[in-house]
């Protein structure tokens, strides 16, 4: 009886199937933090000489350049 219990405890101790799930959860959490930090940094950039700010300013700048090359028909 004691040998059976000890065997089950050793099997439980050596089982690493749950460790992978925890590692993936930690990696996913770190990835989310990195993505949110990048979005925050890009989204709240400082104003430079051209008057653009952050991510929105970058997209506005791209839109202005495209409009300058191919203006919309009026």
N, C-alpha and C. Protein backbone atom coordinates (compact mmCIF):
# COMPACT_ATOMS: atom_id res chain seq x y z
N UNK A 1 0.82 -1.19 0.00
CA UNK A 1 0.00 0.00 0.00
C UNK A 1 0.87 1.26 0.00
N UNK A 2 1.87 1.29 0.86
CA UNK A 2 2.75 2.44 0.94
C UNK A 2 3.56 2.58 -0.34
N UNK A 3 3.96 1.46 -0.92
CA UNK A 3 4.70 1.50 -2.19
C UNK A 3 3.85 2.07 -3.31
N UNK A 4 2.58 1.74 -3.31
CA UNK A 4 1.67 2.25 -4.34
C UNK A 4 1.51 3.77 -4.22
N UNK A 5 1.38 4.26 -3.00
CA UNK A 5 1.24 5.71 -2.76
C UNK A 5 2.53 6.42 -3.16
N UNK A 6 3.67 5.86 -2.76
CA UNK A 6 4.96 6.48 -3.10
C UNK A 6 5.16 6.49 -4.61
N UNK A 7 4.74 5.43 -5.29
CA UNK A 7 4.86 5.36 -6.74
C UNK A 7 4.02 6.46 -7.41
N UNK A 8 2.80 6.65 -6.92
CA UNK A 8 1.93 7.69 -7.48
C UNK A 8 2.49 9.08 -7.20
N UNK A 9 3.05 9.29 -6.01
CA UNK A 9 3.65 10.59 -5.69
C UNK A 9 4.87 10.86 -6.57
N UNK A 10 5.68 9.84 -6.82
CA UNK A 10 6.84 10.02 -7.70
C UNK A 10 6.40 10.31 -9.13
N UNK A 11 5.36 9.62 -9.59
CA UNK A 11 4.85 9.89 -10.94
C UNK A 11 4.33 11.32 -11.04
N UNK A 12 3.65 11.77 -10.00
CA UNK A 12 3.13 13.15 -9.99
C UNK A 12 4.27 14.16 -9.98
N UNK A 13 5.30 13.88 -9.19
CA UNK A 13 6.45 14.78 -9.09
C UNK A 13 7.20 14.87 -10.43
N UNK A 14 7.29 13.78 -11.15
CA UNK A 14 8.04 13.75 -12.41
C UNK A 14 7.21 14.18 -13.62
N UNK A 15 5.91 14.36 -13.43
CA UNK A 15 5.05 14.76 -14.54
C UNK A 15 5.27 16.24 -14.85
N UNK A 16 5.68 16.54 -16.08
CA UNK A 16 5.96 17.91 -16.48
C UNK A 16 4.98 18.41 -17.54
N UNK A 17 3.85 17.78 -17.70
CA UNK A 17 2.91 18.18 -18.74
C UNK A 17 2.31 19.56 -18.47
N UNK A 18 2.10 19.93 -17.22
CA UNK A 18 1.56 21.24 -16.89
C UNK A 18 2.58 22.36 -16.99
N UNK A 19 3.85 22.02 -16.92
CA UNK A 19 4.89 23.04 -16.98
C UNK A 19 4.89 23.76 -18.32
N UNK A 20 4.63 23.05 -19.39
CA UNK A 20 4.60 23.67 -20.71
C UNK A 20 3.49 24.71 -20.80
N UNK A 21 2.33 24.39 -20.26
CA UNK A 21 1.22 25.34 -20.30
C UNK A 21 1.55 26.61 -19.53
N UNK A 22 2.20 26.45 -18.39
CA UNK A 22 2.56 27.63 -17.59
C UNK A 22 3.60 28.46 -18.33
N UNK A 23 4.57 27.81 -18.96
CA UNK A 23 5.59 28.54 -19.71
C UNK A 23 4.96 29.31 -20.87
N UNK A 24 4.03 28.69 -21.58
CA UNK A 24 3.35 29.38 -22.69
C UNK A 24 2.53 30.56 -22.17
N UNK A 25 1.90 30.42 -21.03
CA UNK A 25 1.12 31.52 -20.47
C UNK A 25 2.02 32.69 -20.09
N UNK A 26 3.18 32.39 -19.53
CA UNK A 26 4.12 33.46 -19.16
C UNK A 26 4.64 34.15 -20.43
N UNK A 27 4.98 33.38 -21.45
CA UNK A 27 5.45 33.98 -22.71
C UNK A 27 4.36 34.85 -23.34
N UNK A 28 3.11 34.39 -23.31
CA UNK A 28 2.01 35.18 -23.87
C UNK A 28 1.83 36.47 -23.09
N UNK A 29 1.94 36.42 -21.78
CA UNK A 29 1.79 37.63 -20.96
C UNK A 29 2.91 38.63 -21.27
N UNK A 30 4.13 38.14 -21.41
CA UNK A 30 5.25 39.03 -21.74
C UNK A 30 5.05 39.64 -23.12
N UNK A 31 4.58 38.85 -24.07
CA UNK A 31 4.33 39.35 -25.41
C UNK A 31 3.26 40.44 -25.41
N UNK A 32 2.22 40.26 -24.63
CA UNK A 32 1.16 41.26 -24.54
C UNK A 32 1.72 42.56 -23.95
N UNK A 33 2.55 42.46 -22.93
CA UNK A 33 3.14 43.65 -22.32
C UNK A 33 4.03 44.39 -23.33
N UNK A 34 4.81 43.64 -24.10
CA UNK A 34 5.69 44.26 -25.09
C UNK A 34 4.87 44.95 -26.18
N UNK A 35 3.82 44.31 -26.65
CA UNK A 35 2.98 44.90 -27.70
C UNK A 35 2.29 46.17 -27.17
N UNK A 36 1.76 46.11 -25.96
CA UNK A 36 1.10 47.29 -25.39
C UNK A 36 2.09 48.43 -25.18
N UNK A 37 3.30 48.11 -24.75
CA UNK A 37 4.32 49.15 -24.57
C UNK A 37 4.68 49.78 -25.90
N UNK A 38 4.81 48.97 -26.95
CA UNK A 38 5.14 49.51 -28.27
C UNK A 38 4.02 50.40 -28.79
N UNK A 39 2.79 49.98 -28.61
CA UNK A 39 1.66 50.80 -29.06
C UNK A 39 1.61 52.11 -28.28
N UNK A 40 1.86 52.04 -26.99
CA UNK A 40 1.85 53.26 -26.18
C UNK A 40 2.96 54.22 -26.62
N UNK A 41 4.16 53.69 -26.82
CA UNK A 41 5.29 54.53 -27.22
C UNK A 41 5.05 55.14 -28.60
N UNK A 42 4.59 54.33 -29.54
CA UNK A 42 4.35 54.84 -30.89
C UNK A 42 3.14 55.77 -30.94
N UNK A 43 2.16 55.50 -30.11
CA UNK A 43 0.94 56.29 -30.14
C UNK A 43 1.05 57.62 -29.45
N UNK A 44 2.02 57.78 -28.58
CA UNK A 44 2.16 59.04 -27.84
C UNK A 44 3.53 59.67 -28.10
N UNK A 45 3.99 59.55 -29.31
CA UNK A 45 5.29 60.12 -29.66
C UNK A 45 5.29 61.63 -29.53
N UNK A 46 6.46 62.20 -29.44
CA UNK A 46 6.56 63.65 -29.31
C UNK A 46 6.49 64.31 -30.67
N UNK A 47 6.10 65.55 -30.68
CA UNK A 47 5.99 66.29 -31.93
C UNK A 47 7.38 66.62 -32.44
N UNK A 48 7.60 66.32 -33.72
CA UNK A 48 8.89 66.66 -34.32
C UNK A 48 8.73 67.90 -35.19
N UNK A 49 9.73 68.23 -35.97
CA UNK A 49 9.72 69.44 -36.77
C UNK A 49 8.62 69.51 -37.81
N UNK A 50 8.12 68.36 -38.29
CA UNK A 50 7.10 68.37 -39.34
C UNK A 50 5.69 68.47 -38.78
N UNK A 51 5.54 68.50 -37.47
CA UNK A 51 4.23 68.63 -36.87
C UNK A 51 3.50 67.32 -36.69
N UNK A 52 4.16 66.20 -36.94
CA UNK A 52 3.51 64.91 -36.74
C UNK A 52 3.81 64.41 -35.33
N UNK A 53 2.89 63.64 -34.80
CA UNK A 53 3.08 63.11 -33.45
C UNK A 53 2.69 61.64 -33.43
N UNK A 54 3.61 60.80 -33.04
CA UNK A 54 3.33 59.39 -32.80
C UNK A 54 2.82 58.63 -34.00
N UNK A 55 2.10 57.58 -33.72
CA UNK A 55 1.60 56.68 -34.75
C UNK A 55 0.57 57.36 -35.65
N UNK A 56 -0.34 58.13 -35.08
CA UNK A 56 -1.34 58.82 -35.89
C UNK A 56 -0.66 59.81 -36.82
N UNK A 57 0.31 60.51 -36.32
CA UNK A 57 1.04 61.46 -37.16
C UNK A 57 1.77 60.77 -38.30
N UNK A 58 2.31 59.59 -38.02
CA UNK A 58 2.99 58.84 -39.09
C UNK A 58 2.01 58.46 -40.19
N UNK A 59 0.84 57.97 -39.81
CA UNK A 59 -0.16 57.60 -40.82
C UNK A 59 -0.68 58.83 -41.56
N UNK A 60 -0.84 59.94 -40.85
CA UNK A 60 -1.27 61.17 -41.51
C UNK A 60 -0.21 61.64 -42.52
N UNK A 61 1.05 61.49 -42.15
CA UNK A 61 2.14 61.87 -43.03
C UNK A 61 2.14 61.00 -44.29
N UNK A 62 1.93 59.71 -44.13
CA UNK A 62 1.87 58.80 -45.28
C UNK A 62 0.69 59.17 -46.18
N UNK A 63 -0.46 59.45 -45.56
CA UNK A 63 -1.66 59.84 -46.33
C UNK A 63 -1.41 61.12 -47.11
N UNK A 64 -0.77 62.09 -46.49
CA UNK A 64 -0.47 63.35 -47.18
C UNK A 64 0.45 63.12 -48.38
N UNK A 65 1.44 62.27 -48.21
CA UNK A 65 2.37 62.00 -49.32
C UNK A 65 1.68 61.27 -50.47
N UNK A 66 0.78 60.34 -50.13
CA UNK A 66 0.03 59.64 -51.18
C UNK A 66 -0.90 60.61 -51.90
N UNK A 67 -1.57 61.48 -51.14
CA UNK A 67 -2.46 62.47 -51.75
C UNK A 67 -1.69 63.44 -52.64
N UNK A 68 -0.45 63.77 -52.28
CA UNK A 68 0.35 64.67 -53.08
C UNK A 68 0.74 64.02 -54.41
N UNK A 69 0.96 62.71 -54.39
CA UNK A 69 1.32 62.02 -55.64
C UNK A 69 0.09 61.81 -56.51
N UNK A 70 -1.03 61.44 -55.90
CA UNK A 70 -2.24 61.11 -56.63
C UNK A 70 -3.42 61.87 -56.03
N UNK A 71 -3.61 63.14 -56.36
CA UNK A 71 -4.71 63.89 -55.74
C UNK A 71 -6.06 63.35 -56.20
N UNK A 72 -7.03 63.43 -55.31
CA UNK A 72 -8.38 62.95 -55.62
C UNK A 72 -9.04 63.87 -56.64
N UNK A 73 -9.83 63.28 -57.53
CA UNK A 73 -10.55 64.08 -58.53
C UNK A 73 -11.63 64.90 -57.84
N UNK A 74 -11.71 66.14 -58.23
CA UNK A 74 -12.70 67.01 -57.59
C UNK A 74 -13.90 67.18 -58.47
